[in-house]
C-alpha atoms as a PDB file:
ATOM      1  CA  UNK A   1     104.308  78.579 106.896  1.00  0.00           C
ATOM      2  CA  UNK A   2     107.612  76.771 107.283  1.00  0.00           C
ATOM      3  CA  UNK A   3     108.626  79.212 110.187  1.00  0.00           C
ATOM      4  CA  UNK A   4     105.574  78.447 112.159  1.00  0.00           C
ATOM      5  CA  UNK A   5     106.163  74.679 111.831  1.00  0.00           C
ATOM      6  CA  UNK A   6     109.755  75.096 112.650  1.00  0.00           C
ATOM      7  CA  UNK A   7     109.026  77.088 115.823  1.00  0.00           C
ATOM      8  CA  UNK A   8     106.512  74.369 116.865  1.00  0.00           C
ATOM      9  CA  UNK A   9     108.862  71.514 116.561  1.00  0.00           C
ATOM     10  CA  UNK A  10     111.746  73.435 118.125  1.00  0.00           C
ATOM     11  CA  UNK A  11     109.457  74.107 121.086  1.00  0.00           C
ATOM     12  CA  UNK A  12     109.179  70.211 121.374  1.00  0.00           C
ATOM     13  CA  UNK A  13     112.997  69.736 121.122  1.00  0.00           C
ATOM     14  CA  UNK A  14     112.869  68.293 117.528  1.00  0.00           C
ATOM     15  CA  UNK A  15     114.430  69.393 114.248  1.00  0.00           C
ATOM     16  CA  UNK A  16     113.574  68.937 110.502  1.00  0.00           C
ATOM     17  CA  UNK A  17     115.611  65.809 110.647  1.00  0.00           C
ATOM     18  CA  UNK A  18     113.875  64.249 113.733  1.00  0.00           C
ATOM     19  CA  UNK A  19     110.239  65.304 113.832  1.00  0.00           C
ATOM     20  CA  UNK A  20     107.708  62.629 113.459  1.00  0.00           C
ATOM     21  CA  UNK A  21     103.983  62.004 112.995  1.00  0.00           C
ATOM     22  CA  UNK A  22     103.086  62.885 116.498  1.00  0.00           C
ATOM     23  CA  UNK A  23     104.826  66.204 116.061  1.00  0.00           C
ATOM     24  CA  UNK A  24     102.798  66.877 112.999  1.00  0.00           C
ATOM     25  CA  UNK A  25      99.617  65.820 114.593  1.00  0.00           C
ATOM     26  CA  UNK A  26     100.196  68.228 117.594  1.00  0.00           C
ATOM     27  CA  UNK A  27     100.962  70.956 115.069  1.00  0.00           C
ATOM     28  CA  UNK A  28      97.763  70.471 113.157  1.00  0.00           C
ATOM     29  CA  UNK A  29      95.799  70.408 116.535  1.00  0.00           C
ATOM     30  CA  UNK A  30      97.184  73.957 117.057  1.00  0.00           C
ATOM     31  CA  UNK A  31      96.543  74.995 113.416  1.00  0.00           C
ATOM     32  CA  UNK A  32      92.854  73.722 113.874  1.00  0.00           C
ATOM     33  CA  UNK A  33      92.311  76.030 116.784  1.00  0.00           C
ATOM     34  CA  UNK A  34      93.418  79.041 114.794  1.00  0.00           C
ATOM     35  CA  UNK A  35      92.268  78.374 111.239  1.00  0.00           C
ATOM     36  CA  UNK A  36      88.731  79.146 110.111  1.00  0.00           C
ATOM     37  CA  UNK A  37      86.638  75.994 109.362  1.00  0.00           C
ATOM     38  CA  UNK A  38      86.348  75.205 105.546  1.00  0.00           C
ATOM     39  CA  UNK A  39      89.620  76.777 104.551  1.00  0.00           C
ATOM     40  CA  UNK A  40      92.612  75.006 102.858  1.00  0.00           C
ATOM     41  CA  UNK A  41      94.977  75.875 105.696  1.00  0.00           C
ATOM     42  CA  UNK A  42      95.522  72.325 106.921  1.00  0.00           C
ATOM     43  CA  UNK A  43      95.871  70.892 103.361  1.00  0.00           C
ATOM     44  CA  UNK A  44      98.334  73.404 102.458  1.00  0.00           C
ATOM     45  CA  UNK A  45     100.456  72.619 105.461  1.00  0.00           C
ATOM     46  CA  UNK A  46     100.199  68.920 104.671  1.00  0.00           C
ATOM     47  CA  UNK A  47     101.387  69.498 101.126  1.00  0.00           C
ATOM     48  CA  UNK A  48     104.270  71.610 102.364  1.00  0.00           C
ATOM     49  CA  UNK A  49     105.383  69.096 104.834  1.00  0.00           C
ATOM     50  CA  UNK A  50     105.141  66.247 102.416  1.00  0.00           C
ATOM     51  CA  UNK A  51     107.396  68.144  99.901  1.00  0.00           C
ATOM     52  CA  UNK A  52     109.863  68.918 102.742  1.00  0.00           C
ATOM     53  CA  UNK A  53     110.146  65.292 103.829  1.00  0.00           C
ATOM     54  CA  UNK A  54     110.528  64.103 100.220  1.00  0.00           C
ATOM     55  CA  UNK A  55     113.369  66.805  99.757  1.00  0.00           C
ATOM     56  CA  UNK A  56     115.050  65.598 103.023  1.00  0.00           C
ATOM     57  CA  UNK A  57     114.919  62.008 102.025  1.00  0.00           C
ATOM     58  CA  UNK A  58     116.536  62.878  98.596  1.00  0.00           C
ATOM     59  CA  UNK A  59     119.165  64.832 100.528  1.00  0.00           C
ATOM     60  CA  UNK A  60     119.948  61.946 102.785  1.00  0.00           C
ATOM     61  CA  UNK A  61     118.848  63.716 105.927  1.00  0.00           C
ATOM     62  CA  UNK A  62     115.818  61.460 106.536  1.00  0.00           C
ATOM     63  CA  UNK A  63     114.871  57.827 105.690  1.00  0.00           C
ATOM     64  CA  UNK A  64     111.131  58.160 106.042  1.00  0.00           C
ATOM     65  CA  UNK A  65     108.235  60.568 105.414  1.00  0.00           C
ATOM     66  CA  UNK A  66     105.977  61.077 108.411  1.00  0.00           C
ATOM     67  CA  UNK A  67     103.900  63.508 106.521  1.00  0.00           C
ATOM     68  CA  UNK A  68     102.876  61.125 103.776  1.00  0.00           C
ATOM     69  CA  UNK A  69      99.681  60.054 105.604  1.00  0.00           C
ATOM     70  CA  UNK A  70      98.413  63.478 106.319  1.00  0.00           C
ATOM     71  CA  UNK A  71      96.246  65.203 103.694  1.00  0.00           C
ATOM     72  CA  UNK A  72      95.648  61.980 101.640  1.00  0.00           C
ATOM     73  CA  UNK A  73      91.861  62.112 102.103  1.00  0.00           C
ATOM     74  CA  UNK A  74      91.571  65.917 102.265  1.00  0.00           C
ATOM     75  CA  UNK A  75      90.382  67.911  99.328  1.00  0.00           C
ATOM     76  CA  UNK A  76      90.551  71.638  98.484  1.00  0.00           C
ATOM     77  CA  UNK A  77      87.303  73.514  99.701  1.00  0.00           C
ATOM     78  CA  UNK A  78      84.858  74.290  96.768  1.00  0.00           C
ATOM     79  CA  UNK A  79      84.953  77.933  97.652  1.00  0.00           C
ATOM     80  CA  UNK A  80      87.407  79.829  99.670  1.00  0.00           C
ATOM     81  CA  UNK A  81      85.782  82.004 102.356  1.00  0.00           C
ATOM     82  CA  UNK A  82      85.885  85.727 101.711  1.00  0.00           C
ATOM     83  CA  UNK A  83      88.859  87.269 103.285  1.00  0.00           C
ATOM     84  CA  UNK A  84      88.240  89.426 106.355  1.00  0.00           C
ATOM     85  CA  UNK A  85      89.106  93.149 106.517  1.00  0.00           C
ATOM     86  CA  UNK A  86      87.954  96.359 108.133  1.00  0.00           C
ATOM     87  CA  UNK A  87      85.326  98.377 106.236  1.00  0.00           C
ATOM     88  CA  UNK A  88      86.422 101.938 105.517  1.00  0.00           C
ATOM     89  CA  UNK A  89      84.710 103.378 108.505  1.00  0.00           C
ATOM     90  CA  UNK A  90      86.247 100.770 110.891  1.00  0.00           C
ATOM     91  CA  UNK A  91      89.599 101.407 109.272  1.00  0.00           C
ATOM     92  CA  UNK A  92      89.376 105.112 109.909  1.00  0.00           C
ATOM     93  CA  UNK A  93      88.388 104.311 113.617  1.00  0.00           C
ATOM     94  CA  UNK A  94      91.442 102.127 113.989  1.00  0.00           C
ATOM     95  CA  UNK A  95      93.687 104.675 112.304  1.00  0.00           C
ATOM     96  CA  UNK A  96      92.520 107.257 114.838  1.00  0.00           C
ATOM     97  CA  UNK A  97      93.102 104.774 117.665  1.00  0.00           C
ATOM     98  CA  UNK A  98      96.805 104.529 116.729  1.00  0.00           C
ATOM     99  CA  UNK A  99      97.354 108.270 117.568  1.00  0.00           C
ATOM    100  CA  UNK A 100      99.304 108.498 120.702  1.00  0.00           C
ATOM    101  CA  UNK A 101      97.990 110.205 123.769  1.00  0.00           C
ATOM    102  CA  UNK A 102      99.910 112.221 126.395  1.00  0.00           C
ATOM    103  CA  UNK A 103      98.637 109.724 128.926  1.00  0.00           C
ATOM    104  CA  UNK A 104     100.011 106.686 127.213  1.00  0.00           C
ATOM    105  CA  UNK A 105     102.445 104.447 129.163  1.00  0.00           C
ATOM    106  CA  UNK A 106     105.229 102.721 127.227  1.00  0.00           C
ATOM    107  CA  UNK A 107     103.088  99.576 126.770  1.00  0.00           C
ATOM    108  CA  UNK A 108     100.298 101.393 125.073  1.00  0.00           C
ATOM    109  CA  UNK A 109     102.791 103.366 122.867  1.00  0.00           C
ATOM    110  CA  UNK A 110     104.297 100.026 121.709  1.00  0.00           C
ATOM    111  CA  UNK A 111     100.750  98.560 121.066  1.00  0.00           C
ATOM    112  CA  UNK A 112      99.648 101.582 119.077  1.00  0.00           C
ATOM    113  CA  UNK A 113     102.940 101.466 117.072  1.00  0.00           C
ATOM    114  CA  UNK A 114     102.495  97.711 116.271  1.00  0.00           C
ATOM    115  CA  UNK A 115      98.930  98.116 115.078  1.00  0.00           C
ATOM    116  CA  UNK A 116      99.981 101.340 113.086  1.00  0.00           C
ATOM    117  CA  UNK A 117     102.768  99.434 111.317  1.00  0.00           C
ATOM    118  CA  UNK A 118     100.474  96.516 110.487  1.00  0.00           C
ATOM    119  CA  UNK A 119      97.656  98.710 109.249  1.00  0.00           C
ATOM    120  CA  UNK A 120      99.880 101.199 107.469  1.00  0.00           C
ATOM    121  CA  UNK A 121     102.217  98.940 105.670  1.00  0.00           C
ATOM    122  CA  UNK A 122     100.641  95.468 105.299  1.00  0.00           C
ATOM    123  CA  UNK A 123     103.716  93.547 106.571  1.00  0.00           C
ATOM    124  CA  UNK A 124     103.060  90.085 108.029  1.00  0.00           C
ATOM    125  CA  UNK A 125     103.375  89.073 111.637  1.00  0.00           C
ATOM    126  CA  UNK A 126     106.608  87.308 111.189  1.00  0.00           C
ATOM    127  CA  UNK A 127     108.071  90.258 109.243  1.00  0.00           C
ATOM    128  CA  UNK A 128     107.139  92.589 112.033  1.00  0.00           C
ATOM    129  CA  UNK A 129     108.542  90.299 114.713  1.00  0.00           C
ATOM    130  CA  UNK A 130     111.971  90.403 112.985  1.00  0.00           C
ATOM    131  CA  UNK A 131     111.892  94.064 111.952  1.00  0.00           C
ATOM    132  CA  UNK A 132     114.949  96.046 113.210  1.00  0.00           C
ATOM    133  CA  UNK A 133     115.307  99.667 114.188  1.00  0.00           C
ATOM    134  CA  UNK A 134     117.266 100.358 111.060  1.00  0.00           C
ATOM    135  CA  UNK A 135     114.510  99.009 108.802  1.00  0.00           C
ATOM    136  CA  UNK A 136     112.144 101.891 109.727  1.00  0.00           C
ATOM    137  CA  UNK A 137     112.414 105.239 108.129  1.00  0.00           C
ATOM    138  CA  UNK A 138     109.818 107.645 109.431  1.00  0.00           C
ATOM    139  CA  UNK A 139     111.462 110.907 108.071  1.00  0.00           C
ATOM    140  CA  UNK A 140     112.187 112.303 104.671  1.00  0.00           C
ATOM    141  CA  UNK A 141     109.908 112.552 101.615  1.00  0.00           C
ATOM    142  CA  UNK A 142     109.113 108.805 101.543  1.00  0.00           C
ATOM    143  CA  UNK A 143     108.910 107.274 105.061  1.00  0.00           C
ATOM    144  CA  UNK A 144     108.988 103.508 104.656  1.00  0.00           C
ATOM    145  CA  UNK A 145     109.708 100.187 106.193  1.00  0.00           C
ATOM    146  CA  UNK A 146     112.304  97.842 104.682  1.00  0.00           C
ATOM    147  CA  UNK A 147     111.478  94.085 104.565  1.00  0.00           C
ATOM    148  CA  UNK A 148     114.468  91.834 104.044  1.00  0.00           C
ATOM    149  CA  UNK A 149     114.387  88.767 101.746  1.00  0.00           C
ATOM    150  CA  UNK A 150     112.740  85.811 103.499  1.00  0.00           C
ATOM    151  CA  UNK A 151     112.065  82.411 101.820  1.00  0.00           C
ATOM    152  CA  UNK A 152     110.505  83.018  98.487  1.00  0.00           C
ATOM    153  CA  UNK A 153     109.636  86.617  99.256  1.00  0.00           C
ATOM    154  CA  UNK A 154     112.087  89.261  97.728  1.00  0.00           C
ATOM    155  CA  UNK A 155     113.237  92.135  99.778  1.00  0.00           C
ATOM    156  CA  UNK A 156     111.043  95.293  99.458  1.00  0.00           C
ATOM    157  CA  UNK A 157     110.424  98.648 100.787  1.00  0.00           C
ATOM    158  CA  UNK A 158     106.864  99.599 101.626  1.00  0.00           C
ATOM    159  CA  UNK A 159     105.862 103.223 101.832  1.00  0.00           C
ATOM    160  CA  UNK A 160     104.170 103.971 105.242  1.00  0.00           C
ATOM    161  CA  UNK A 161     100.718 105.366 105.214  1.00  0.00           C
ATOM    162  CA  UNK A 162     100.793 108.886 106.786  1.00  0.00           C
ATOM    163  CA  UNK A 163      98.444 108.017 109.647  1.00  0.00           C
ATOM    164  CA  UNK A 164     100.999 105.438 110.985  1.00  0.00           C
ATOM    165  CA  UNK A 165     103.880 107.883 111.451  1.00  0.00           C
ATOM    166  CA  UNK A 166     102.859 109.498 114.716  1.00  0.00           C
ATOM    167  CA  UNK A 167     102.701 106.241 116.535  1.00  0.00           C
ATOM    168  CA  UNK A 168     105.893 104.959 115.046  1.00  0.00           C
ATOM    169  CA  UNK A 169     107.799 108.169 115.829  1.00  0.00           C
ATOM    170  CA  UNK A 170     106.637 108.184 119.387  1.00  0.00           C
ATOM    171  CA  UNK A 171     107.669 104.612 119.785  1.00  0.00           C
ATOM    172  CA  UNK A 172     111.181 105.359 118.524  1.00  0.00           C
ATOM    173  CA  UNK A 173     111.465 108.139 120.989  1.00  0.00           C
ATOM    174  CA  UNK A 174     110.902 105.869 123.954  1.00  0.00           C
ATOM    175  CA  UNK A 175     112.508 102.802 122.516  1.00  0.00           C
ATOM    176  CA  UNK A 176     116.124 103.998 122.554  1.00  0.00           C
ATOM    177  CA  UNK A 177     117.783 100.989 120.921  1.00  0.00           C
ATOM    178  CA  UNK A 178     119.291 101.436 117.418  1.00  0.00           C
ATOM    179  CA  UNK A 179     120.717  99.651 114.393  1.00  0.00           C
ATOM    180  CA  UNK A 180     120.199  95.845 114.489  1.00  0.00           C
ATOM    181  CA  UNK A 181     118.072  95.888 117.615  1.00  0.00           C
ATOM    182  CA  UNK A 182     114.550  94.707 117.151  1.00  0.00           C
ATOM    183  CA  UNK A 183     112.046  97.325 116.567  1.00  0.00           C
ATOM    184  CA  UNK A 184     109.621  95.535 118.864  1.00  0.00           C
ATOM    185  CA  UNK A 185     111.544  93.194 121.298  1.00  0.00           C
ATOM    186  CA  UNK A 186     109.763  90.844 123.506  1.00  0.00           C
ATOM    187  CA  UNK A 187     108.931  92.087 126.934  1.00  0.00           C
ATOM    188  CA  UNK A 188     112.116  91.961 129.012  1.00  0.00           C
ATOM    189  CA  UNK A 189     114.039  92.191 125.674  1.00  0.00           C
ATOM    190  CA  UNK A 190     114.628  88.391 125.565  1.00  0.00           C
ATOM    191  CA  UNK A 191     114.161  87.985 121.916  1.00  0.00           C
ATOM    192  CA  UNK A 192     111.424  88.297 119.212  1.00  0.00           C
ATOM    193  CA  UNK A 193     107.872  88.702 120.244  1.00  0.00           C
ATOM    194  CA  UNK A 194     105.657  85.625 119.798  1.00  0.00           C
ATOM    195  CA  UNK A 195     102.500  85.413 117.646  1.00  0.00           C
ATOM    196  CA  UNK A 196     100.264  84.988 120.687  1.00  0.00           C
ATOM    197  CA  UNK A 197     101.216  88.494 122.091  1.00  0.00           C
ATOM    198  CA  UNK A 198     100.931  90.085 118.720  1.00  0.00           C
ATOM    199  CA  UNK A 199      97.438  88.502 118.265  1.00  0.00           C
ATOM    200  CA  UNK A 200      96.401  89.831 121.618  1.00  0.00           C
ATOM    201  CA  UNK A 201      97.619  93.349 120.848  1.00  0.00           C
ATOM    202  CA  UNK A 202      95.638  93.483 117.646  1.00  0.00           C
ATOM    203  CA  UNK A 203      92.486  91.914 119.235  1.00  0.00           C
ATOM    204  CA  UNK A 204      92.496  94.381 122.061  1.00  0.00           C
ATOM    205  CA  UNK A 205      92.853  97.268 119.596  1.00  0.00           C
ATOM    206  CA  UNK A 206      89.907  96.026 117.469  1.00  0.00           C
ATOM    207  CA  UNK A 207      87.833  95.637 120.566  1.00  0.00           C
ATOM    208  CA  UNK A 208      88.485  99.201 121.420  1.00  0.00           C
ATOM    209  CA  UNK A 209      86.827 100.372 118.227  1.00  0.00           C
ATOM    210  CA  UNK A 210      84.028  97.878 118.736  1.00  0.00           C
ATOM    211  CA  UNK A 211      84.986  95.749 115.803  1.00  0.00           C
ATOM    212  CA  UNK A 212      84.173  91.999 115.987  1.00  0.00           C
ATOM    213  CA  UNK A 213      85.098  89.293 113.425  1.00  0.00           C
ATOM    214  CA  UNK A 214      85.744  85.656 113.435  1.00  0.00           C
ATOM    215  CA  UNK A 215      89.551  86.315 112.967  1.00  0.00           C
ATOM    216  CA  UNK A 216      90.860  89.331 114.936  1.00  0.00           C
ATOM    217  CA  UNK A 217      94.583  88.606 114.157  1.00  0.00           C
ATOM    218  CA  UNK A 218      97.165  90.772 112.351  1.00  0.00           C
ATOM    219  CA  UNK A 219      95.921  89.086 109.049  1.00  0.00           C
ATOM    220  CA  UNK A 220      92.879  91.230 109.081  1.00  0.00           C
ATOM    221  CA  UNK A 221      95.016  94.421 109.227  1.00  0.00           C
ATOM    222  CA  UNK A 222      97.184  93.156 106.333  1.00  0.00           C
ATOM    223  CA  UNK A 223      94.001  92.523 104.309  1.00  0.00           C
ATOM    224  CA  UNK A 224      92.713  95.938 105.188  1.00  0.00           C
ATOM    225  CA  UNK A 225      95.900  97.576 104.025  1.00  0.00           C
ATOM    226  CA  UNK A 226      95.765  95.737 100.715  1.00  0.00           C
ATOM    227  CA  UNK A 227      92.069  96.485 100.116  1.00  0.00           C
ATOM    228  CA  UNK A 228      92.715 100.138 100.877  1.00  0.00           C
ATOM    229  CA  UNK A 229      95.360 100.259  98.192  1.00  0.00           C
ATOM    230  CA  UNK A 230      93.087  98.570  95.714  1.00  0.00           C
ATOM    231  CA  UNK A 231      90.362 101.144  96.522  1.00  0.00           C
ATOM    232  CA  UNK A 232      92.853 103.836  95.839  1.00  0.00           C
ATOM    233  CA  UNK A 233      93.337 102.539  92.328  1.00  0.00           C
ATOM    234  CA  UNK A 234      96.510 100.364  92.760  1.00  0.00           C
ATOM    235  CA  UNK A 235      96.710  97.279  90.474  1.00  0.00           C
ATOM    236  CA  UNK A 236      96.667  93.669  91.690  1.00  0.00           C
ATOM    237  CA  UNK A 237     100.271  93.277  90.634  1.00  0.00           C
ATOM    238  CA  UNK A 238     101.475  96.325  92.558  1.00  0.00           C
ATOM    239  CA  UNK A 239      99.413  95.421  95.632  1.00  0.00           C
ATOM    240  CA  UNK A 240     100.777  91.914  95.732  1.00  0.00           C
ATOM    241  CA  UNK A 241     104.290  93.226  95.319  1.00  0.00           C
ATOM    242  CA  UNK A 242     103.702  95.472  98.400  1.00  0.00           C
ATOM    243  CA  UNK A 243     102.623  92.526 100.350  1.00  0.00           C
ATOM    244  CA  UNK A 244     105.624  90.448  99.228  1.00  0.00           C
ATOM    245  CA  UNK A 245     103.465  87.988  97.471  1.00  0.00           C
ATOM    246  CA  UNK A 246     104.527  86.054  94.380  1.00  0.00           C
ATOM    247  CA  UNK A 247     100.860  85.017  93.555  1.00  0.00           C
ATOM    248  CA  UNK A 248      98.029  87.483  92.990  1.00  0.00           C
ATOM    249  CA  UNK A 249      95.542  85.029  94.531  1.00  0.00           C
ATOM    250  CA  UNK A 250      94.979  86.891  97.854  1.00  0.00           C
ATOM    251  CA  UNK A 251      94.710  90.332  96.217  1.00  0.00           C
ATOM    252  CA  UNK A 252      92.300  88.880  93.535  1.00  0.00           C
ATOM    253  CA  UNK A 253      90.015  87.648  96.447  1.00  0.00           C
ATOM    254  CA  UNK A 254      90.207  91.108  98.025  1.00  0.00           C
ATOM    255  CA  UNK A 255      89.277  92.832  94.829  1.00  0.00           C
ATOM    256  CA  UNK A 256      86.260  90.572  94.401  1.00  0.00           C
ATOM    257  CA  UNK A 257      84.881  91.969  97.752  1.00  0.00           C
ATOM    258  CA  UNK A 258      85.131  95.529  96.213  1.00  0.00           C
ATOM    259  CA  UNK A 259      83.247  94.454  92.998  1.00  0.00           C
ATOM    260  CA  UNK A 260      80.626  92.575  95.092  1.00  0.00           C
ATOM    261  CA  UNK A 261      79.911  95.667  97.136  1.00  0.00           C
ATOM    262  CA  UNK A 262      79.319  97.931  94.211  1.00  0.00           C
ATOM    263  CA  UNK A 263      75.802  98.931  93.480  1.00  0.00           C
ATOM    264  CA  UNK A 264      74.093  97.039  90.699  1.00  0.00           C
END
């Protein structure tokens, strides 16, 4: 959450010490275009920014709190909307879509690998954007992706689902950079990919398998991975750990979708 806000204010030539209420308002305008109505997304951001500003004031880096007025009249939604995910049949169709074709150009190989990594490991968009070549191990008895520590999330290694390996290996064969180089650099290799491009890649893949949902972002693939693990018998604690989550809230909500779909 903080990374997203930081990227926004940096794009407006501001910093954590100089952003003001106008920067926050423009950020919320952007959030409102992406967040599903009725969710607590805006309120969670408001609370985070309020805590950030109070900390900066205590540290002597700011004299005022421009976030204080935001979220004052908001309230948590009575019920969180059900998380979105691919049903098992759509999950299988998307897994099959990730398999490379001999006709694929490099852009398509990249897109298949990106979707395969999201769907086969459950890592987040920001984690994929910063993934390096050395973080991916596609050979050996336990192919995995290493995710470094980031903010409150501890470092972890996530075992890759077997279906994802073909796409990831093909991408490594054509993307010859090594070591600390980004696994998926931005077009032109000018830095990390942005969230807009990642979202477009996932949306295009979902459209290819005729899947439509209110949110067609990488989050739906992360939820699908987690729900698949739960269906396979993994515990809430283990699944949350695979996602890098401290709280079990997200996984608990996903498990509720399994129980609600069981025949009575």
